[in-house]
Amino acid sequence: MHIEAPGPQDTHWTRIVQLYDALLELDSSPIIGLNRAIAIAMRDGPATGLAIMEELLADGKLNDYRFAHAARADMYRRLGRVEEARSAYESALALTSQEAERRFIAGRIAELTHRIR
C-alpha cells in the first residue's frame, strides 16, 4: 500500500486498517494491534490512535517494547502534549540499545525540551 501511494498523505489507510483487522483474526499479537492503532491514527488522527494504544499498553504486554512507547510518544507529540510525549520517549530510550535509534529518540526529546522553554 505504501509503495503504491505517491506520498504518505495518499496512502490508503483504510485498506491498511482492514488488512491489520484480517491479520488480527489470525494472530491476536499486541504488536499487530499496535501497528493497527498506528494505521488508525494515520487515517483518523492521533487522538483516535492514541486511545487504542493506551488500551494496548494498559495490559502490560507491550511494556518492554520500545516501539510501543515511541509510537505513543509520537501521538502525544502530534497532539501537542509535550510532557507526556517526553515521558514516553524517555521510556522508549531506556529500552533502546541501537545507537541510531537512541540518537533519533534523544533528538525528539531535545526538540520537546526546546518547545517547553
PDB file of N, CA and C in Angstrom:
ATOM      1  N   MET A   1       0.826  -1.192   0.000  1.00  0.00           N
ATOM      2  CA  MET A   1       0.000   0.000   0.000  1.00  0.00           C
ATOM      3  C   MET A   1       0.873   1.259   0.000  1.00  0.00           C
ATOM      4  N   HIS A   2       1.972   1.230   0.742  1.00  0.00           N
ATOM      5  CA  HIS A   2       2.847   2.398   0.803  1.00  0.00           C
ATOM      6  C   HIS A   2       3.543   2.624  -0.539  1.00  0.00           C
ATOM      7  N   ILE A   3       3.939   1.557  -1.176  1.00  0.00           N
ATOM      8  CA  ILE A   3       4.650   1.675  -2.448  1.00  0.00           C
ATOM      9  C   ILE A   3       3.735   2.221  -3.533  1.00  0.00           C
ATOM     10  N   GLU A   4       2.478   1.873  -3.482  1.00  0.00           N
ATOM     11  CA  GLU A   4       1.521   2.313  -4.496  1.00  0.00           C
ATOM     12  C   GLU A   4       1.153   3.780  -4.360  1.00  0.00           C
ATOM     13  N   ALA A   5       1.302   4.343  -3.190  1.00  0.00           N
ATOM     14  CA  ALA A   5       0.911   5.739  -2.954  1.00  0.00           C
ATOM     15  C   ALA A   5       2.043   6.685  -3.329  1.00  0.00           C
ATOM     16  N   PRO A   6       1.722   7.789  -3.997  1.00  0.00           N
ATOM     17  CA  PRO A   6       2.753   8.770  -4.339  1.00  0.00           C
ATOM     18  C   PRO A   6       3.408   9.408  -3.110  1.00  0.00           C
ATOM     19  N   GLY A   7       2.673   9.490  -2.010  1.00  0.00           N
ATOM     20  CA  GLY A   7       3.192  10.072  -0.772  1.00  0.00           C
ATOM     21  C   GLY A   7       2.381   9.575   0.410  1.00  0.00           C
ATOM     22  N   PRO A   8       2.857   9.821   1.640  1.00  0.00           N
ATOM     23  CA  PRO A   8       2.137   9.343   2.835  1.00  0.00           C
ATOM     24  C   PRO A   8       0.684   9.811   2.897  1.00  0.00           C
ATOM     25  N   GLN A   9       0.440  11.036   2.464  1.00  0.00           N
ATOM     26  CA  GLN A   9      -0.911  11.577   2.501  1.00  0.00           C
ATOM     27  C   GLN A   9      -1.838  10.863   1.530  1.00  0.00           C
ATOM     28  N   ASP A  10      -1.273  10.152   0.555  1.00  0.00           N
ATOM     29  CA  ASP A  10      -2.061   9.445  -0.443  1.00  0.00           C
ATOM     30  C   ASP A  10      -2.224   7.955  -0.128  1.00  0.00           C
ATOM     31  N   THR A  11      -1.634   7.524   0.967  1.00  0.00           N
ATOM     32  CA  THR A  11      -1.707   6.117   1.343  1.00  0.00           C
ATOM     33  C   THR A  11      -3.140   5.744   1.685  1.00  0.00           C
ATOM     34  N   HIS A  12      -3.553   4.579   1.282  1.00  0.00           N
ATOM     35  CA  HIS A  12      -4.911   4.090   1.517  1.00  0.00           C
ATOM     36  C   HIS A  12      -4.971   3.476   2.921  1.00  0.00           C
ATOM     37  N   TRP A  13      -5.062   4.360   3.927  1.00  0.00           N
ATOM     38  CA  TRP A  13      -5.004   3.919   5.314  1.00  0.00           C
ATOM     39  C   TRP A  13      -6.184   3.040   5.695  1.00  0.00           C
ATOM     40  N   THR A  14      -7.340   3.276   5.106  1.00  0.00           N
ATOM     41  CA  THR A  14      -8.498   2.421   5.400  1.00  0.00           C
ATOM     42  C   THR A  14      -8.207   0.984   4.994  1.00  0.00           C
ATOM     43  N   ARG A  15      -7.604   0.802   3.852  1.00  0.00           N
ATOM     44  CA  ARG A  15      -7.256  -0.553   3.398  1.00  0.00           C
ATOM     45  C   ARG A  15      -6.202  -1.176   4.318  1.00  0.00           C
ATOM     46  N   ILE A  16      -5.254  -0.382   4.758  1.00  0.00           N
ATOM     47  CA  ILE A  16      -4.234  -0.904   5.672  1.00  0.00           C
ATOM     48  C   ILE A  16      -4.875  -1.342   6.986  1.00  0.00           C
ATOM     49  N   VAL A  17      -5.811  -0.561   7.507  1.00  0.00           N
ATOM     50  CA  VAL A  17      -6.523  -0.954   8.725  1.00  0.00           C
ATOM     51  C   VAL A  17      -7.269  -2.265   8.480  1.00  0.00           C
ATOM     52  N   GLN A  18      -7.913  -2.394   7.335  1.00  0.00           N
ATOM     53  CA  GLN A  18      -8.626  -3.634   7.013  1.00  0.00           C
ATOM     54  C   GLN A  18      -7.668  -4.828   6.983  1.00  0.00           C
ATOM     55  N   LEU A  19      -6.490  -4.626   6.438  1.00  0.00           N
ATOM     56  CA  LEU A  19      -5.508  -5.707   6.396  1.00  0.00           C
ATOM     57  C   LEU A  19      -5.052  -6.087   7.805  1.00  0.00           C
ATOM     58  N   TYR A  20      -4.843  -5.092   8.669  1.00  0.00           N
ATOM     59  CA  TYR A  20      -4.496  -5.398  10.065  1.00  0.00           C
ATOM     60  C   TYR A  20      -5.653  -6.100  10.774  1.00  0.00           C
ATOM     61  N   ASP A  21      -6.878  -5.711  10.475  1.00  0.00           N
ATOM     62  CA  ASP A  21      -8.035  -6.396  11.058  1.00  0.00           C
ATOM     63  C   ASP A  21      -8.020  -7.880  10.682  1.00  0.00           C
ATOM     64  N   ALA A  22      -7.753  -8.158   9.405  1.00  0.00           N
ATOM     65  CA  ALA A  22      -7.696  -9.547   8.944  1.00  0.00           C
ATOM     66  C   ALA A  22      -6.544 -10.293   9.619  1.00  0.00           C
ATOM     67  N   LEU A  23      -5.413  -9.623   9.746  1.00  0.00           N
ATOM     68  CA  LEU A  23      -4.260 -10.247  10.388  1.00  0.00           C
ATOM     69  C   LEU A  23      -4.537 -10.562  11.859  1.00  0.00           C
ATOM     70  N   LEU A  24      -5.249  -9.653  12.526  1.00  0.00           N
ATOM     71  CA  LEU A  24      -5.590  -9.877  13.935  1.00  0.00           C
ATOM     72  C   LEU A  24      -6.512 -11.084  14.119  1.00  0.00           C
ATOM     73  N   GLU A  25      -7.306 -11.394  13.112  1.00  0.00           N
ATOM     74  CA  GLU A  25      -8.150 -12.586  13.190  1.00  0.00           C
ATOM     75  C   GLU A  25      -7.298 -13.849  13.201  1.00  0.00           C
ATOM     76  N   LEU A  26      -6.141 -13.785  12.561  1.00  0.00           N
ATOM     77  CA  LEU A  26      -5.236 -14.932  12.502  1.00  0.00           C
ATOM     78  C   LEU A  26      -4.295 -14.983  13.694  1.00  0.00           C
ATOM     79  N   ASP A  27      -3.921 -13.815  14.208  1.00  0.00           N
ATOM     80  CA  ASP A  27      -2.935 -13.729  15.284  1.00  0.00           C
ATOM     81  C   ASP A  27      -3.248 -12.488  16.120  1.00  0.00           C
ATOM     82  N   SER A  28      -3.609 -12.691  17.355  1.00  0.00           N
ATOM     83  CA  SER A  28      -4.018 -11.567  18.212  1.00  0.00           C
ATOM     84  C   SER A  28      -2.835 -10.893  18.895  1.00  0.00           C
ATOM     85  N   SER A  29      -1.695 -10.894  18.256  1.00  0.00           N
ATOM     86  CA  SER A  29      -0.481 -10.287  18.798  1.00  0.00           C
ATOM     87  C   SER A  29      -0.699  -8.814  19.149  1.00  0.00           C
ATOM     88  N   PRO A  30      -0.217  -8.397  20.327  1.00  0.00           N
ATOM     89  CA  PRO A  30      -0.332  -6.970  20.671  1.00  0.00           C
ATOM     90  C   PRO A  30       0.495  -6.078  19.730  1.00  0.00           C
ATOM     91  N   ILE A  31       1.521  -6.619  19.115  1.00  0.00           N
ATOM     92  CA  ILE A  31       2.317  -5.827  18.167  1.00  0.00           C
ATOM     93  C   ILE A  31       1.507  -5.559  16.905  1.00  0.00           C
ATOM     94  N   ILE A  32       0.754  -6.546  16.453  1.00  0.00           N
ATOM     95  CA  ILE A  32      -0.141  -6.309  15.319  1.00  0.00           C
ATOM     96  C   ILE A  32      -1.184  -5.275  15.709  1.00  0.00           C
ATOM     97  N   GLY A  33      -1.699  -5.382  16.927  1.00  0.00           N
ATOM     98  CA  GLY A  33      -2.662  -4.388  17.411  1.00  0.00           C
ATOM     99  C   GLY A  33      -2.079  -2.984  17.444  1.00  0.00           C
ATOM    100  N   LEU A  34      -0.814  -2.890  17.844  1.00  0.00           N
ATOM    101  CA  LEU A  34      -0.138  -1.587  17.857  1.00  0.00           C
ATOM    102  C   LEU A  34      -0.020  -1.023  16.448  1.00  0.00           C
ATOM    103  N   ASN A  35       0.398  -1.861  15.516  1.00  0.00           N
ATOM    104  CA  ASN A  35       0.523  -1.398  14.132  1.00  0.00           C
ATOM    105  C   ASN A  35      -0.830  -0.977  13.571  1.00  0.00           C
ATOM    106  N   ARG A  36      -1.877  -1.678  13.950  1.00  0.00           N
ATOM    107  CA  ARG A  36      -3.233  -1.293  13.536  1.00  0.00           C
ATOM    108  C   ARG A  36      -3.582   0.080  14.125  1.00  0.00           C
ATOM    109  N   ALA A  37      -3.240   0.297  15.393  1.00  0.00           N
ATOM    110  CA  ALA A  37      -3.521   1.586  16.040  1.00  0.00           C
ATOM    111  C   ALA A  37      -2.798   2.721  15.325  1.00  0.00           C
ATOM    112  N   ILE A  38      -1.579   2.469  14.883  1.00  0.00           N
ATOM    113  CA  ILE A  38      -0.823   3.488  14.143  1.00  0.00           C
ATOM    114  C   ILE A  38      -1.516   3.788  12.823  1.00  0.00           C
ATOM    115  N   ALA A  39      -1.965   2.753  12.139  1.00  0.00           N
ATOM    116  CA  ALA A  39      -2.682   2.961  10.869  1.00  0.00           C
ATOM    117  C   ALA A  39      -3.973   3.739  11.106  1.00  0.00           C
ATOM    118  N   ILE A  40      -4.678   3.431  12.184  1.00  0.00           N
ATOM    119  CA  ILE A  40      -5.896   4.174  12.507  1.00  0.00           C
ATOM    120  C   ILE A  40      -5.563   5.629  12.809  1.00  0.00           C
ATOM    121  N   ALA A  41      -4.454   5.865  13.501  1.00  0.00           N
ATOM    122  CA  ALA A  41      -4.030   7.244  13.771  1.00  0.00           C
ATOM    123  C   ALA A  41      -3.753   7.992  12.467  1.00  0.00           C
ATOM    124  N   MET A  42      -3.159   7.311  11.522  1.00  0.00           N
ATOM    125  CA  MET A  42      -2.879   7.950  10.232  1.00  0.00           C
ATOM    126  C   MET A  42      -4.176   8.247   9.481  1.00  0.00           C
ATOM    127  N   ARG A  43      -5.159   7.398   9.666  1.00  0.00           N
ATOM    128  CA  ARG A  43      -6.441   7.583   8.972  1.00  0.00           C
ATOM    129  C   ARG A  43      -7.349   8.570   9.703  1.00  0.00           C
ATOM    130  N   ASP A  44      -7.456   8.417  11.031  1.00  0.00           N
ATOM    131  CA  ASP A  44      -8.467   9.147  11.798  1.00  0.00           C
ATOM    132  C   ASP A  44      -7.919  10.225  12.720  1.00  0.00           C
ATOM    133  N   GLY A  45      -6.593  10.299  12.831  1.00  0.00           N
ATOM    134  CA  GLY A  45      -5.981  11.306  13.686  1.00  0.00           C
ATOM    135  C   GLY A  45      -5.317  10.695  14.900  1.00  0.00           C
ATOM    136  N   PRO A  46      -4.349  11.415  15.470  1.00  0.00           N
ATOM    137  CA  PRO A  46      -3.552  10.872  16.569  1.00  0.00           C
ATOM    138  C   PRO A  46      -4.352  10.575  17.837  1.00  0.00           C
ATOM    139  N   ALA A  47      -5.391  11.325  18.122  1.00  0.00           N
ATOM    140  CA  ALA A  47      -6.160  11.073  19.344  1.00  0.00           C
ATOM    141  C   ALA A  47      -6.836   9.705  19.295  1.00  0.00           C
ATOM    142  N   THR A  48      -7.352   9.352  18.148  1.00  0.00           N
ATOM    143  CA  THR A  48      -8.022   8.058  17.994  1.00  0.00           C
ATOM    144  C   THR A  48      -7.018   6.919  18.108  1.00  0.00           C
ATOM    145  N   GLY A  49      -5.889   7.061  17.438  1.00  0.00           N
ATOM    146  CA  GLY A  49      -4.853   6.031  17.530  1.00  0.00           C
ATOM    147  C   GLY A  49      -4.291   5.909  18.931  1.00  0.00           C
ATOM    148  N   LEU A  50      -4.092   7.043  19.593  1.00  0.00           N
ATOM    149  CA  LEU A  50      -3.556   7.045  20.952  1.00  0.00           C
ATOM    150  C   LEU A  50      -4.483   6.309  21.909  1.00  0.00           C
ATOM    151  N   ALA A  51      -5.774   6.511  21.783  1.00  0.00           N
ATOM    152  CA  ALA A  51      -6.729   5.834  22.662  1.00  0.00           C
ATOM    153  C   ALA A  51      -6.588   4.316  22.544  1.00  0.00           C
ATOM    154  N   ILE A  52      -6.411   3.829  21.344  1.00  0.00           N
ATOM    155  CA  ILE A  52      -6.230   2.393  21.130  1.00  0.00           C
ATOM    156  C   ILE A  52      -4.890   1.947  21.708  1.00  0.00           C
ATOM    157  N   MET A  53      -3.846   2.734  21.499  1.00  0.00           N
ATOM    158  CA  MET A  53      -2.524   2.400  22.048  1.00  0.00           C
ATOM    159  C   MET A  53      -2.560   2.322  23.564  1.00  0.00           C
ATOM    160  N   GLU A  54      -3.254   3.261  24.191  1.00  0.00           N
ATOM    161  CA  GLU A  54      -3.335   3.275  25.651  1.00  0.00           C
ATOM    162  C   GLU A  54      -4.003   2.001  26.162  1.00  0.00           C
ATOM    163  N   GLU A  55      -5.044   1.538  25.463  1.00  0.00           N
ATOM    164  CA  GLU A  55      -5.693   0.281  25.833  1.00  0.00           C
ATOM    165  C   GLU A  55      -4.710  -0.887  25.716  1.00  0.00           C
ATOM    166  N   LEU A  56      -3.956  -0.917  24.634  1.00  0.00           N
ATOM    167  CA  LEU A  56      -2.982  -1.990  24.416  1.00  0.00           C
ATOM    168  C   LEU A  56      -1.887  -1.970  25.480  1.00  0.00           C
ATOM    169  N   LEU A  57      -1.427  -0.783  25.847  1.00  0.00           N
ATOM    170  CA  LEU A  57      -0.363  -0.671  26.847  1.00  0.00           C
ATOM    171  C   LEU A  57      -0.869  -0.962  28.260  1.00  0.00           C
ATOM    172  N   ALA A  58      -2.157  -0.782  28.480  1.00  0.00           N
ATOM    173  CA  ALA A  58      -2.710  -0.972  29.825  1.00  0.00           C
ATOM    174  C   ALA A  58      -2.578  -2.409  30.319  1.00  0.00           C
ATOM    175  N   ASP A  59      -2.576  -3.376  29.410  1.00  0.00           N
ATOM    176  CA  ASP A  59      -2.497  -4.771  29.875  1.00  0.00           C
ATOM    177  C   ASP A  59      -1.062  -5.215  30.151  1.00  0.00           C
ATOM    178  N   GLY A  60      -0.087  -4.356  29.856  1.00  0.00           N
ATOM    179  CA  GLY A  60       1.300  -4.630  30.212  1.00  0.00           C
ATOM    180  C   GLY A  60       2.091  -5.471  29.229  1.00  0.00           C
ATOM    181  N   LYS A  61       1.449  -6.022  28.202  1.00  0.00           N
ATOM    182  CA  LYS A  61       2.152  -6.894  27.264  1.00  0.00           C
ATOM    183  C   LYS A  61       3.183  -6.158  26.407  1.00  0.00           C
ATOM    184  N   LEU A  62       3.019  -4.851  26.275  1.00  0.00           N
ATOM    185  CA  LEU A  62       3.943  -4.064  25.450  1.00  0.00           C
ATOM    186  C   LEU A  62       4.889  -3.199  26.285  1.00  0.00           C
ATOM    187  N   ASN A  63       4.908  -3.402  27.580  1.00  0.00           N
ATOM    188  CA  ASN A  63       5.732  -2.555  28.453  1.00  0.00           C
ATOM    189  C   ASN A  63       7.207  -2.555  28.076  1.00  0.00           C
ATOM    190  N   ASP A  64       7.729  -3.668  27.602  1.00  0.00           N
ATOM    191  CA  ASP A  64       9.154  -3.771  27.257  1.00  0.00           C
ATOM    192  C   ASP A  64       9.404  -3.597  25.764  1.00  0.00           C
ATOM    193  N   TYR A  65       8.410  -3.156  25.028  1.00  0.00           N
ATOM    194  CA  TYR A  65       8.526  -2.998  23.577  1.00  0.00           C
ATOM    195  C   TYR A  65       8.761  -1.522  23.261  1.00  0.00           C
ATOM    196  N   ARG A  66       9.999  -1.191  22.925  1.00  0.00           N
ATOM    197  CA  ARG A  66      10.375   0.214  22.759  1.00  0.00           C
ATOM    198  C   ARG A  66       9.537   0.931  21.703  1.00  0.00           C
ATOM    199  N   PHE A  67       9.151   0.208  20.660  1.00  0.00           N
ATOM    200  CA  PHE A  67       8.387   0.847  19.589  1.00  0.00           C
ATOM    201  C   PHE A  67       6.987   1.259  20.051  1.00  0.00           C
ATOM    202  N   ALA A  68       6.436   0.565  21.034  1.00  0.00           N
ATOM    203  CA  ALA A  68       5.133   0.964  21.569  1.00  0.00           C
ATOM    204  C   ALA A  68       5.246   2.322  22.261  1.00  0.00           C
ATOM    205  N   HIS A  69       6.300   2.489  23.059  1.00  0.00           N
ATOM    206  CA  HIS A  69       6.496   3.769  23.748  1.00  0.00           C
ATOM    207  C   HIS A  69       6.821   4.887  22.755  1.00  0.00           C
ATOM    208  N   ALA A  70       7.600   4.565  21.738  1.00  0.00           N
ATOM    209  CA  ALA A  70       7.938   5.572  20.725  1.00  0.00           C
ATOM    210  C   ALA A  70       6.700   5.980  19.929  1.00  0.00           C
ATOM    211  N   ALA A  71       5.861   5.017  19.588  1.00  0.00           N
ATOM    212  CA  ALA A  71       4.636   5.338  18.843  1.00  0.00           C
ATOM    213  C   ALA A  71       3.698   6.190  19.700  1.00  0.00           C
ATOM    214  N   ARG A  72       3.557   5.818  20.957  1.00  0.00           N
ATOM    215  CA  ARG A  72       2.715   6.609  21.865  1.00  0.00           C
ATOM    216  C   ARG A  72       3.281   8.020  22.009  1.00  0.00           C
ATOM    217  N   ALA A  73       4.599   8.127  22.128  1.00  0.00           N
ATOM    218  CA  ALA A  73       5.235   9.445  22.228  1.00  0.00           C
ATOM    219  C   ALA A  73       4.928  10.288  21.003  1.00  0.00           C
ATOM    220  N   ASP A  74       4.983   9.671  19.831  1.00  0.00           N
ATOM    221  CA  ASP A  74       4.710  10.408  18.603  1.00  0.00           C
ATOM    222  C   ASP A  74       3.274  10.923  18.583  1.00  0.00           C
ATOM    223  N   MET A  75       2.346  10.115  19.057  1.00  0.00           N
ATOM    224  CA  MET A  75       0.949  10.575  19.103  1.00  0.00           C
ATOM    225  C   MET A  75       0.808  11.762  20.058  1.00  0.00           C
ATOM    226  N   TYR A  76       1.422  11.652  21.233  1.00  0.00           N
ATOM    227  CA  TYR A  76       1.395  12.774  22.176  1.00  0.00           C
ATOM    228  C   TYR A  76       2.022  14.022  21.546  1.00  0.00           C
ATOM    229  N   ARG A  77       3.155  13.837  20.866  1.00  0.00           N
ATOM    230  CA  ARG A  77       3.837  14.969  20.229  1.00  0.00           C
ATOM    231  C   ARG A  77       2.932  15.619  19.191  1.00  0.00           C
ATOM    232  N   ARG A  78       2.290  14.797  18.386  1.00  0.00           N
ATOM    233  CA  ARG A  78       1.405  15.327  17.346  1.00  0.00           C
ATOM    234  C   ARG A  78       0.200  16.054  17.933  1.00  0.00           C
ATOM    235  N   LEU A  79      -0.180  15.673  19.151  1.00  0.00           N
ATOM    236  CA  LEU A  79      -1.305  16.324  19.824  1.00  0.00           C
ATOM    237  C   LEU A  79      -0.874  17.539  20.647  1.00  0.00           C
ATOM    238  N   GLY A  80       0.441  17.815  20.689  1.00  0.00           N
ATOM    239  CA  GLY A  80       0.940  18.949  21.459  1.00  0.00           C
ATOM    240  C   GLY A  80       1.023  18.674  22.951  1.00  0.00           C
ATOM    241  N   ARG A  81       0.954  17.421  23.352  1.00  0.00           N
ATOM    242  CA  ARG A  81       1.032  17.036  24.764  1.00  0.00           C
ATOM    243  C   ARG A  81       2.498  16.738  25.092  1.00  0.00           C
ATOM    244  N   VAL A  82       3.246  17.814  25.248  1.00  0.00           N
ATOM    245  CA  VAL A  82       4.707  17.779  25.286  1.00  0.00           C
ATOM    246  C   VAL A  82       5.253  16.957  26.450  1.00  0.00           C
ATOM    247  N   GLU A  83       4.780  17.181  27.643  1.00  0.00           N
ATOM    248  CA  GLU A  83       5.309  16.454  28.815  1.00  0.00           C
ATOM    249  C   GLU A  83       5.072  14.955  28.686  1.00  0.00           C
ATOM    250  N   GLU A  84       3.879  14.583  28.251  1.00  0.00           N
ATOM    251  CA  GLU A  84       3.571  13.159  28.083  1.00  0.00           C
ATOM    252  C   GLU A  84       4.413  12.564  26.962  1.00  0.00           C
ATOM    253  N   ALA A  85       4.627  13.334  25.906  1.00  0.00           N
ATOM    254  CA  ALA A  85       5.471  12.866  24.804  1.00  0.00           C
ATOM    255  C   ALA A  85       6.894  12.632  25.295  1.00  0.00           C
ATOM    256  N   ARG A  86       7.406  13.585  26.042  1.00  0.00           N
ATOM    257  CA  ARG A  86       8.775  13.449  26.537  1.00  0.00           C
ATOM    258  C   ARG A  86       8.914  12.219  27.438  1.00  0.00           C
ATOM    259  N   SER A  87       7.961  12.008  28.310  1.00  0.00           N
ATOM    260  CA  SER A  87       7.995  10.853  29.204  1.00  0.00           C
ATOM    261  C   SER A  87       7.960   9.541  28.416  1.00  0.00           C
ATOM    262  N   ALA A  88       7.112   9.476  27.405  1.00  0.00           N
ATOM    263  CA  ALA A  88       7.024   8.256  26.592  1.00  0.00           C
ATOM    264  C   ALA A  88       8.304   8.044  25.787  1.00  0.00           C
ATOM    265  N   TYR A  89       8.881   9.136  25.261  1.00  0.00           N
ATOM    266  CA  TYR A  89      10.164   8.995  24.552  1.00  0.00           C
ATOM    267  C   TYR A  89      11.251   8.515  25.510  1.00  0.00           C
ATOM    268  N   GLU A  90      11.235   8.999  26.736  1.00  0.00           N
ATOM    269  CA  GLU A  90      12.235   8.559  27.717  1.00  0.00           C
ATOM    270  C   GLU A  90      12.076   7.062  28.019  1.00  0.00           C
ATOM    271  N   SER A  91      10.830   6.584  28.061  1.00  0.00           N
ATOM    272  CA  SER A  91      10.595   5.147  28.246  1.00  0.00           C
ATOM    273  C   SER A  91      11.152   4.366  27.068  1.00  0.00           C
ATOM    274  N   ALA A  92      10.924   4.865  25.862  1.00  0.00           N
ATOM    275  CA  ALA A  92      11.450   4.199  24.664  1.00  0.00           C
ATOM    276  C   ALA A  92      12.973   4.206  24.679  1.00  0.00           C
ATOM    277  N   LEU A  93      13.557   5.336  25.051  1.00  0.00           N
ATOM    278  CA  LEU A  93      15.014   5.456  25.076  1.00  0.00           C
ATOM    279  C   LEU A  93      15.629   4.466  26.064  1.00  0.00           C
ATOM    280  N   ALA A  94      15.000   4.288  27.204  1.00  0.00           N
ATOM    281  CA  ALA A  94      15.515   3.362  28.214  1.00  0.00           C
ATOM    282  C   ALA A  94      15.524   1.915  27.715  1.00  0.00           C
ATOM    283  N   LEU A  95      14.680   1.614  26.751  1.00  0.00           N
ATOM    284  CA  LEU A  95      14.588   0.254  26.213  1.00  0.00           C
ATOM    285  C   LEU A  95      15.392   0.057  24.930  1.00  0.00           C
ATOM    286  N   THR A  96      16.033   1.107  24.469  1.00  0.00           N
ATOM    287  CA  THR A  96      16.709   1.080  23.172  1.00  0.00           C
ATOM    288  C   THR A  96      18.212   0.958  23.341  1.00  0.00           C
ATOM    289  N   SER A  97      18.790  -0.012  22.636  1.00  0.00           N
ATOM    290  CA  SER A  97      20.242  -0.175  22.688  1.00  0.00           C
ATOM    291  C   SER A  97      20.914   0.196  21.365  1.00  0.00           C
ATOM    292  N   GLN A  98      20.159   0.259  20.279  1.00  0.00           N
ATOM    293  CA  GLN A  98      20.753   0.598  18.994  1.00  0.00           C
ATOM    294  C   GLN A  98      21.050   2.100  18.941  1.00  0.00           C
ATOM    295  N   GLU A  99      22.289   2.427  18.586  1.00  0.00           N
ATOM    296  CA  GLU A  99      22.751   3.815  18.657  1.00  0.00           C
ATOM    297  C   GLU A  99      21.959   4.757  17.749  1.00  0.00           C
ATOM    298  N   ALA A 100      21.633   4.336  16.538  1.00  0.00           N
ATOM    299  CA  ALA A 100      20.876   5.207  15.634  1.00  0.00           C
ATOM    300  C   ALA A 100      19.497   5.527  16.208  1.00  0.00           C
ATOM    301  N   GLU A 101      18.854   4.535  16.786  1.00  0.00           N
ATOM    302  CA  GLU A 101      17.555   4.766  17.413  1.00  0.00           C
ATOM    303  C   GLU A 101      17.694   5.677  18.627  1.00  0.00           C
ATOM    304  N   ARG A 102      18.734   5.471  19.404  1.00  0.00           N
ATOM    305  CA  ARG A 102      18.960   6.299  20.585  1.00  0.00           C
ATOM    306  C   ARG A 102      19.139   7.764  20.184  1.00  0.00           C
ATOM    307  N   ARG A 103      19.912   8.004  19.119  1.00  0.00           N
ATOM    308  CA  ARG A 103      20.118   9.386  18.646  1.00  0.00           C
ATOM    309  C   ARG A 103      18.804  10.001  18.188  1.00  0.00           C
ATOM    310  N   PHE A 104      18.000   9.231  17.460  1.00  0.00           N
ATOM    311  CA  PHE A 104      16.720   9.751  16.973  1.00  0.00           C
ATOM    312  C   PHE A 104      15.817  10.129  18.147  1.00  0.00           C
ATOM    313  N   ILE A 105      15.676   9.206  19.095  1.00  0.00           N
ATOM    314  CA  ILE A 105      14.799   9.458  20.245  1.00  0.00           C
ATOM    315  C   ILE A 105      15.325  10.609  21.092  1.00  0.00           C
ATOM    316  N   ALA A 106      16.634  10.649  21.311  1.00  0.00           N
ATOM    317  CA  ALA A 106      17.223  11.758  22.069  1.00  0.00           C
ATOM    318  C   ALA A 106      16.974  13.082  21.354  1.00  0.00           C
ATOM    319  N   GLY A 107      17.015  13.066  20.039  1.00  0.00           N
ATOM    320  CA  GLY A 107      16.718  14.273  19.266  1.00  0.00           C
ATOM    321  C   GLY A 107      15.281  14.733  19.459  1.00  0.00           C
ATOM    322  N   ARG A 108      14.368  13.771  19.483  1.00  0.00           N
ATOM    323  CA  ARG A 108      12.960  14.112  19.727  1.00  0.00           C
ATOM    324  C   ARG A 108      12.793  14.716  21.118  1.00  0.00           C
ATOM    325  N   ILE A 109      13.456  14.126  22.104  1.00  0.00           N
ATOM    326  CA  ILE A 109      13.378  14.658  23.472  1.00  0.00           C
ATOM    327  C   ILE A 109      13.931  16.088  23.508  1.00  0.00           C
ATOM    328  N   ALA A 110      15.039  16.320  22.828  1.00  0.00           N
ATOM    329  CA  ALA A 110      15.630  17.665  22.787  1.00  0.00           C
ATOM    330  C   ALA A 110      14.678  18.653  22.127  1.00  0.00           C
ATOM    331  N   GLU A 111      14.014  18.237  21.049  1.00  0.00           N
ATOM    332  CA  GLU A 111      13.038  19.116  20.384  1.00  0.00           C
ATOM    333  C   GLU A 111      11.916  19.494  21.348  1.00  0.00           C
ATOM    334  N   LEU A 112      11.427  18.511  22.096  1.00  0.00           N
ATOM    335  CA  LEU A 112      10.355  18.775  23.037  1.00  0.00           C
ATOM    336  C   LEU A 112      10.804  19.670  24.171  1.00  0.00           C
ATOM    337  N   THR A 113      12.030  19.470  24.641  1.00  0.00           N
ATOM    338  CA  THR A 113      12.582  20.300  25.705  1.00  0.00           C
ATOM    339  C   THR A 113      12.681  21.751  25.225  1.00  0.00           C
ATOM    340  N   HIS A 114      13.096  21.917  23.974  1.00  0.00           N
ATOM    341  CA  HIS A 114      13.190  23.260  23.390  1.00  0.00           C
ATOM    342  C   HIS A 114      11.813  23.920  23.296  1.00  0.00           C
ATOM    343  N   ARG A 115      10.788  23.145  22.996  1.00  0.00           N
ATOM    344  CA  ARG A 115       9.421  23.670  22.895  1.00  0.00           C
ATOM    345  C   ARG A 115       8.907  24.222  24.224  1.00  0.00           C
ATOM    346  N   ILE A 116       9.316  23.570  25.324  1.00  0.00           N
ATOM    347  CA  ILE A 116       8.833  23.956  26.638  1.00  0.00           C
ATOM    348  C   ILE A 116       9.431  25.289  27.078  1.00  0.00           C
ATOM    349  N   ARG A 117      10.668  25.521  26.716  1.00  0.00           N
ATOM    350  CA  ARG A 117      11.356  26.745  27.187  1.00  0.00           C
ATOM    351  C   ARG A 117      10.822  27.988  26.570  1.00  0.00           C
TER     352      ARG A 117
END
